[in-house]
Amino acid sequence: MRQLPVVAGVPVVAAVLLATAVGCGSNGGGGQAGASPPGAVTVTATPTPTVTVTPTPTPTVTVTPQTVTATPNPTVTVTTAKGGNPTLTSAIAVVQQYYEDISNHDYAAAWALGGRNIGGSDYNGWVKGYATTASIYLGTTSTFGSNQVRAVIYAVQTDGSTKTYEGTYTVSGGVLVSASIQQTG
């Protein structure tokens, strides 16, 4: 029996076909005597292609939160003058503090801040004038450094209605010294 050369990397089927083709032309039996060997047989092995799949990465989304910073309302600076009475630093601050004291029912503080100068000489009568006032909202304007304050006052009453007043306040030495206010609504 004739030995066939081993071809590395050739599939088994191809090797068997090659052996059969070579064996057909030999005198070792099975073939016709005197027959000539067949022509050369070429076996070509086609390698199986390898497919490599590379996944496409999913994009990463980064969310950056924004910080919102609220600007606080202006700060009112209070300094203490001789004798212990507070002095506010601007005319608007005096008017705002006056109405804040009234809204907080701190009538004595509002009276000391100038209520006695613009509310008449009777403290008890002045306090009674605010008996039906639940809260006060104030809009003010003033020229920088001026002692004059233009104001719009919204006085919410205990029955839910609102009274509106407009006018001008004059401030001197950290207290209200005069006012010209009219009810407009």
Protein backbone atom coordinates (compact mmCIF):
# COMPACT_ATOMS: atom_id res chain seq x y z
CA MET A 1 0.00 0.00 0.00
CA ARG A 2 1.21 3.40 -0.85
CA GLN A 3 1.44 6.10 1.77
CA LEU A 4 -0.05 9.47 1.06
CA PRO A 5 1.62 12.60 2.13
CA VAL A 6 -0.21 14.51 4.85
CA VAL A 7 -1.12 18.01 3.84
CA ALA A 8 -1.42 20.26 6.84
CA GLY A 9 -4.49 22.40 6.95
CA VAL A 10 -6.35 20.56 4.18
CA PRO A 11 -9.77 19.33 5.19
CA VAL A 12 -10.27 15.58 5.57
CA VAL A 13 -12.67 15.36 2.60
CA ALA A 14 -10.07 16.88 0.33
CA ALA A 15 -7.45 14.38 1.58
CA VAL A 16 -9.78 11.42 0.94
CA LEU A 17 -10.55 12.65 -2.57
CA LEU A 18 -6.86 13.05 -3.24
CA ALA A 19 -6.15 9.53 -1.98
CA THR A 20 -8.89 8.09 -4.15
CA ALA A 21 -7.67 9.88 -7.23
CA VAL A 22 -4.09 8.74 -6.68
CA GLY A 23 -5.19 5.17 -5.89
CA CYS A 24 -7.19 4.83 -9.12
CA GLY A 25 -4.17 4.85 -11.35
CA SER A 26 -1.93 2.51 -9.36
CA ASN A 27 -1.26 -1.12 -10.08
CA GLY A 28 -2.03 -2.05 -6.58
CA GLY A 29 -5.39 -3.44 -7.57
CA GLY A 30 -8.77 -2.35 -8.54
CA GLY A 31 -7.64 -0.48 -11.67
CA GLN A 32 -6.98 -1.66 -15.24
CA ALA A 33 -3.56 -2.99 -15.98
CA GLY A 34 -1.53 -0.79 -18.17
CA ALA A 35 -3.77 2.17 -17.66
CA SER A 36 -2.00 5.42 -17.44
CA PRO A 37 -2.25 7.44 -14.27
CA PRO A 38 -4.77 10.19 -14.36
CA GLY A 39 -3.71 13.77 -14.79
CA ALA A 40 -2.67 15.80 -11.82
CA VAL A 41 -5.45 16.59 -9.42
CA THR A 42 -5.40 19.95 -7.72
CA VAL A 43 -7.32 20.36 -4.51
CA THR A 44 -7.83 23.86 -3.29
CA ALA A 45 -9.05 24.40 0.22
CA THR A 46 -11.00 27.60 0.77
CA PRO A 47 -10.69 28.78 4.36
CA THR A 48 -13.89 29.70 6.15
CA PRO A 49 -13.91 33.44 6.69
CA THR A 50 -13.84 34.64 10.26
CA VAL A 51 -16.22 37.50 11.02
CA THR A 52 -15.34 39.71 13.95
CA VAL A 53 -18.18 41.90 15.25
CA THR A 54 -17.11 44.95 17.14
CA PRO A 55 -20.10 46.51 18.91
CA THR A 56 -20.58 50.22 18.44
CA PRO A 57 -20.41 51.82 21.88
CA THR A 58 -23.54 53.52 23.12
CA PRO A 59 -22.88 57.23 23.51
CA THR A 60 -22.71 58.47 27.07
CA VAL A 61 -24.88 61.46 27.89
CA THR A 62 -23.68 63.66 30.69
CA VAL A 63 -26.18 66.04 32.29
CA THR A 64 -24.67 68.91 34.17
CA PRO A 65 -27.11 70.58 36.56
CA GLN A 66 -27.14 74.35 36.62
CA THR A 67 -27.04 76.23 39.84
CA VAL A 68 -29.42 79.13 40.16
CA THR A 69 -28.45 81.69 42.73
CA ALA A 70 -31.13 84.01 44.00
CA THR A 71 -30.11 87.55 44.69
CA PRO A 72 -31.25 88.47 48.19
CA ASN A 73 -33.12 91.65 48.96
CA PRO A 74 -30.92 94.55 49.98
CA THR A 75 -29.82 94.50 53.58
CA VAL A 76 -30.87 97.33 55.85
CA THR A 77 -28.02 98.45 58.07
CA VAL A 78 -28.92 99.73 61.52
CA THR A 79 -26.47 101.71 63.60
CA THR A 80 -27.01 102.89 67.13
CA ALA A 81 -26.80 106.62 67.73
CA LYS A 82 -26.15 108.20 71.12
CA GLY A 83 -29.03 107.55 73.46
CA GLY A 84 -29.71 104.04 72.06
CA ASN A 85 -32.12 105.00 69.24
CA PRO A 86 -31.44 103.08 66.04
CA THR A 87 -30.63 105.11 62.95
CA LEU A 88 -31.35 103.55 59.55
CA THR A 89 -28.95 104.26 56.69
CA SER A 90 -31.38 105.44 53.98
CA ALA A 91 -34.74 107.16 53.66
CA ILE A 92 -36.25 104.12 51.92
CA ALA A 93 -35.08 101.86 54.76
CA VAL A 94 -36.87 104.11 57.28
CA VAL A 95 -40.18 103.98 55.35
CA GLN A 96 -39.89 100.20 54.84
CA GLN A 97 -39.14 99.61 58.53
CA TYR A 98 -42.03 101.87 59.56
CA TYR A 99 -44.55 99.75 57.59
CA GLU A 100 -42.91 96.49 58.64
CA ASP A 101 -43.39 97.53 62.29
CA ILE A 102 -47.07 98.31 61.61
CA SER A 103 -47.57 94.95 59.81
CA ASN A 104 -46.00 93.19 62.81
CA HIS A 105 -48.31 95.17 65.17
CA ASP A 106 -45.22 96.70 66.80
CA TYR A 107 -46.93 100.07 66.98
CA ALA A 108 -44.57 101.49 69.62
CA ALA A 109 -41.57 100.96 67.27
CA ALA A 110 -43.45 102.53 64.33
CA TRP A 111 -44.49 105.46 66.53
CA ALA A 112 -40.86 106.00 67.58
CA LEU A 113 -39.71 105.79 63.93
CA GLY A 114 -41.83 108.83 63.08
CA GLY A 115 -45.45 107.82 63.55
CA ARG A 116 -45.68 110.56 66.18
CA ASN A 117 -44.59 113.10 63.52
CA ILE A 118 -47.06 112.02 60.83
CA GLY A 119 -49.85 110.32 62.81
CA GLY A 120 -50.96 113.11 65.05
CA SER A 121 -50.46 113.63 68.76
CA ASP A 122 -52.74 110.83 70.01
CA TYR A 123 -50.91 107.46 70.03
CA ASN A 124 -54.04 105.43 70.95
CA GLY A 125 -56.11 107.04 68.17
CA TRP A 126 -53.28 106.38 65.68
CA VAL A 127 -53.12 102.67 66.70
CA LYS A 128 -56.93 102.37 66.35
CA GLY A 129 -56.55 103.59 62.76
CA TYR A 130 -54.80 100.27 61.98
CA ALA A 131 -57.37 98.05 63.78
CA THR A 132 -58.75 96.62 60.50
CA THR A 133 -55.36 96.38 58.71
CA ALA A 134 -54.20 92.77 58.32
CA SER A 135 -50.97 93.44 56.37
CA ILE A 136 -49.25 96.11 54.32
CA TYR A 137 -47.35 95.82 51.04
CA LEU A 138 -45.16 98.72 50.04
CA GLY A 139 -43.65 99.99 46.80
CA THR A 140 -41.09 102.78 47.16
CA THR A 141 -38.79 104.88 45.00
CA SER A 142 -36.22 107.45 45.93
CA THR A 143 -33.29 109.23 44.35
CA PHE A 144 -30.00 107.98 45.81
CA GLY A 145 -29.08 110.06 48.84
CA SER A 146 -32.41 111.86 48.85
CA ASN A 147 -34.48 112.30 51.98
CA GLN A 148 -37.71 112.10 49.91
CA VAL A 149 -39.41 108.73 49.36
CA ARG A 150 -42.27 108.21 46.92
CA ALA A 151 -44.48 105.34 48.10
CA VAL A 152 -47.47 103.25 47.06
CA ILE A 153 -49.06 101.44 50.02
CA TYR A 154 -51.38 98.45 49.68
CA ALA A 155 -53.18 97.90 53.00
CA VAL A 156 -54.96 94.53 53.07
CA GLN A 157 -57.90 94.74 55.44
CA THR A 158 -59.16 91.99 57.78
CA ASP A 159 -62.23 91.54 55.52
CA GLY A 160 -59.94 90.74 52.53
CA SER A 161 -60.34 94.07 50.74
CA THR A 162 -57.36 96.27 49.88
CA LYS A 163 -57.00 100.01 50.35
CA THR A 164 -54.38 101.82 48.24
CA TYR A 165 -52.50 104.97 49.25
CA GLU A 166 -49.88 107.06 47.44
CA GLY A 167 -47.69 109.92 48.47
CA THR A 168 -44.34 111.19 49.67
CA TYR A 169 -42.45 110.79 52.94
CA THR A 170 -39.64 113.01 54.17
CA VAL A 171 -36.95 111.46 56.37
CA SER A 172 -34.39 113.26 58.50
CA GLY A 173 -32.07 111.89 61.16
CA GLY A 174 -33.34 108.33 60.60
CA VAL A 175 -37.02 109.13 61.34
CA LEU A 176 -40.08 110.22 59.38
CA VAL A 177 -40.56 113.97 59.81
CA SER A 178 -43.45 114.58 57.40
CA ALA A 179 -45.75 112.85 54.95
CA SER A 180 -48.21 113.75 52.21
CA ILE A 181 -50.30 110.61 51.62
CA GLN A 182 -53.68 110.29 49.84
CA GLN A 183 -55.99 107.26 49.56
CA THR A 184 -56.31 106.34 45.88
CA GLY A 185 -58.34 103.17 46.02
